[in-house]
Amino acid sequence: YFNDEPIAAVMIHVDKQNSLYYGGCSLELAKKHKANNFLLFNTMLHYKNIGYRHFEVGVFDSCLSKNQKEYNVGRYKAQFSSFPSLSLEGVKFFSI
């Protein structure tokens, strides 16, 4: 929220001990305030604090050769990860 108006949201899928970042959305104003970063980071902390052992931020292709948007999404997700593991053709899976 900013001035009592919602500006961003994240959607998380959960099961017994795993949580998966499914997606997020935001208004243009949210970028200025880094609202998505705030929400995602605090969501990770919430699930950690209630005993979840795994938070998956998803899959992305970190190669700029495909398109700029996919590359930017990859860079965004990478800032939240501490354990990247490589797969085929440079596609990475990130876990917290």
C-alpha atoms as a PDB file:
ATOM      1  CA  TYR A   1       0.000   0.000   0.000  1.00  0.00           C
ATOM      2  CA  PHE A   2       1.005   3.587  -0.620  1.00  0.00           C
ATOM      3  CA  ASN A   3      -1.220   6.323   0.802  1.00  0.00           C
ATOM      4  CA  ASP A   4      -3.822   3.662   1.632  1.00  0.00           C
ATOM      5  CA  GLU A   5      -3.944   2.436  -1.980  1.00  0.00           C
ATOM      6  CA  PRO A   6      -2.755  -1.036  -3.047  1.00  0.00           C
ATOM      7  CA  ILE A   7       0.146  -0.748  -5.489  1.00  0.00           C
ATOM      8  CA  ALA A   8       1.609  -4.269  -5.623  1.00  0.00           C
ATOM      9  CA  ALA A   9       0.897  -7.915  -4.832  1.00  0.00           C
ATOM     10  CA  VAL A  10       2.584 -11.323  -4.936  1.00  0.00           C
ATOM     11  CA  MET A  11       0.998 -14.763  -5.293  1.00  0.00           C
ATOM     12  CA  ILE A  12       2.568 -17.752  -3.531  1.00  0.00           C
ATOM     13  CA  HIS A  13       1.646 -21.438  -3.864  1.00  0.00           C
ATOM     14  CA  VAL A  14       2.306 -23.488  -0.734  1.00  0.00           C
ATOM     15  CA  ASP A  15       2.206 -27.097   0.381  1.00  0.00           C
ATOM     16  CA  LYS A  16       3.472 -28.821   3.530  1.00  0.00           C
ATOM     17  CA  GLN A  17       7.060 -27.506   3.580  1.00  0.00           C
ATOM     18  CA  ASN A  18       7.507 -25.728   0.250  1.00  0.00           C
ATOM     19  CA  SER A  19       6.507 -22.361  -1.078  1.00  0.00           C
ATOM     20  CA  LEU A  20       6.644 -21.227  -4.695  1.00  0.00           C
ATOM     21  CA  TYR A  21       6.599 -17.669  -5.979  1.00  0.00           C
ATOM     22  CA  TYR A  22       3.943 -17.830  -8.683  1.00  0.00           C
ATOM     23  CA  GLY A  23       3.841 -14.219  -9.788  1.00  0.00           C
ATOM     24  CA  GLY A  24       3.352 -10.624  -8.908  1.00  0.00           C
ATOM     25  CA  CYS A  25       1.785  -7.467 -10.197  1.00  0.00           C
ATOM     26  CA  SER A  26       2.150  -3.785  -9.542  1.00  0.00           C
ATOM     27  CA  LEU A  27       1.214  -0.300 -10.580  1.00  0.00           C
ATOM     28  CA  GLU A  28       3.840   1.958 -12.128  1.00  0.00           C
ATOM     29  CA  LEU A  29       4.174   3.775  -8.786  1.00  0.00           C
ATOM     30  CA  ALA A  30       5.366   0.531  -7.165  1.00  0.00           C
ATOM     31  CA  LYS A  31       8.579   0.518  -9.200  1.00  0.00           C
ATOM     32  CA  LYS A  32       9.667   3.817  -7.690  1.00  0.00           C
ATOM     33  CA  HIS A  33       9.203   2.431  -4.182  1.00  0.00           C
ATOM     34  CA  LYS A  34      10.503  -1.100  -4.970  1.00  0.00           C
ATOM     35  CA  ALA A  35       7.250  -2.528  -3.648  1.00  0.00           C
ATOM     36  CA  ASN A  36       7.667  -5.926  -5.335  1.00  0.00           C
ATOM     37  CA  ASN A  37      11.093  -6.394  -3.775  1.00  0.00           C
ATOM     38  CA  PHE A  38       9.659  -5.480  -0.379  1.00  0.00           C
ATOM     39  CA  LEU A  39       6.729  -7.876  -0.745  1.00  0.00           C
ATOM     40  CA  LEU A  40       8.752 -10.793  -2.039  1.00  0.00           C
ATOM     41  CA  PHE A  41      11.486 -10.455   0.571  1.00  0.00           C
ATOM     42  CA  ASN A  42       8.985 -10.174   3.430  1.00  0.00           C
ATOM     43  CA  THR A  43       6.995 -13.113   2.061  1.00  0.00           C
ATOM     44  CA  MET A  44      10.165 -15.209   2.138  1.00  0.00           C
ATOM     45  CA  LEU A  45      10.808 -14.178   5.731  1.00  0.00           C
ATOM     46  CA  HIS A  46       7.222 -15.013   6.694  1.00  0.00           C
ATOM     47  CA  TYR A  47       7.414 -18.553   5.345  1.00  0.00           C
ATOM     48  CA  LYS A  48      10.846 -19.076   6.899  1.00  0.00           C
ATOM     49  CA  ASN A  49       9.567 -17.863  10.272  1.00  0.00           C
ATOM     50  CA  ILE A  50       6.619 -20.267  10.247  1.00  0.00           C
ATOM     51  CA  GLY A  51       8.838 -23.233   9.481  1.00  0.00           C
ATOM     52  CA  TYR A  52       8.879 -23.619   5.702  1.00  0.00           C
ATOM     53  CA  ARG A  53      12.166 -25.015   4.501  1.00  0.00           C
ATOM     54  CA  HIS A  54      12.035 -24.104   0.817  1.00  0.00           C
ATOM     55  CA  PHE A  55      11.049 -20.999  -1.135  1.00  0.00           C
ATOM     56  CA  GLU A  56      11.305 -21.340  -4.904  1.00  0.00           C
ATOM     57  CA  VAL A  57      11.519 -18.146  -6.928  1.00  0.00           C
ATOM     58  CA  GLY A  58      11.143 -19.999 -10.190  1.00  0.00           C
ATOM     59  CA  VAL A  59      12.860 -20.720 -13.438  1.00  0.00           C
ATOM     60  CA  PHE A  60      14.290 -18.272 -15.909  1.00  0.00           C
ATOM     61  CA  ASP A  61      16.728 -18.068 -18.766  1.00  0.00           C
ATOM     62  CA  SER A  62      19.625 -15.829 -17.808  1.00  0.00           C
ATOM     63  CA  CYS A  63      20.930 -15.534 -21.382  1.00  0.00           C
ATOM     64  CA  LEU A  64      20.389 -12.132 -22.952  1.00  0.00           C
ATOM     65  CA  SER A  65      20.306 -13.725 -26.396  1.00  0.00           C
ATOM     66  CA  LYS A  66      16.579 -14.613 -26.156  1.00  0.00           C
ATOM     67  CA  ASN A  67      14.897 -11.360 -25.170  1.00  0.00           C
ATOM     68  CA  GLN A  68      15.389  -8.415 -22.856  1.00  0.00           C
ATOM     69  CA  LYS A  69      12.266  -9.048 -20.747  1.00  0.00           C
ATOM     70  CA  GLU A  70      13.244 -12.638 -19.844  1.00  0.00           C
ATOM     71  CA  TYR A  71      16.746 -11.433 -19.003  1.00  0.00           C
ATOM     72  CA  ASN A  72      15.371  -8.678 -16.740  1.00  0.00           C
ATOM     73  CA  VAL A  73      13.069 -11.155 -14.960  1.00  0.00           C
ATOM     74  CA  GLY A  74      16.078 -13.405 -14.406  1.00  0.00           C
ATOM     75  CA  ARG A  75      18.116 -10.585 -12.928  1.00  0.00           C
ATOM     76  CA  TYR A  76      15.200  -9.662 -10.645  1.00  0.00           C
ATOM     77  CA  LYS A  77      14.805 -13.238  -9.350  1.00  0.00           C
ATOM     78  CA  ALA A  78      18.547 -13.740  -8.909  1.00  0.00           C
ATOM     79  CA  GLN A  79      18.765 -11.010  -6.266  1.00  0.00           C
ATOM     80  CA  PHE A  80      16.654 -13.147  -3.911  1.00  0.00           C
ATOM     81  CA  SER A  81      18.560 -16.383  -4.311  1.00  0.00           C
ATOM     82  CA  SER A  82      21.466 -17.891  -2.512  1.00  0.00           C
ATOM     83  CA  PHE A  83      21.543 -21.318  -4.220  1.00  0.00           C
ATOM     84  CA  PRO A  84      21.331 -21.227  -8.023  1.00  0.00           C
ATOM     85  CA  SER A  85      21.694 -24.511  -9.843  1.00  0.00           C
ATOM     86  CA  LEU A  86      22.271 -24.759 -13.581  1.00  0.00           C
ATOM     87  CA  SER A  87      20.166 -26.746 -15.993  1.00  0.00           C
ATOM     88  CA  LEU A  88      20.140 -27.044 -19.789  1.00  0.00           C
ATOM     89  CA  GLU A  89      21.075 -24.107 -21.998  1.00  0.00           C
ATOM     90  CA  GLY A  90      21.770 -21.702 -19.148  1.00  0.00           C
ATOM     91  CA  VAL A  91      18.298 -21.980 -17.608  1.00  0.00           C
ATOM     92  CA  LYS A  92      18.595 -21.562 -13.851  1.00  0.00           C
ATOM     93  CA  PHE A  93      16.410 -22.636 -10.964  1.00  0.00           C
ATOM     94  CA  PHE A  94      16.708 -20.570  -7.825  1.00  0.00           C
ATOM     95  CA  SER A  95      15.890 -21.572  -4.283  1.00  0.00           C
ATOM     96  CA  ILE A  96      16.183 -19.759  -0.989  1.00  0.00           C
END
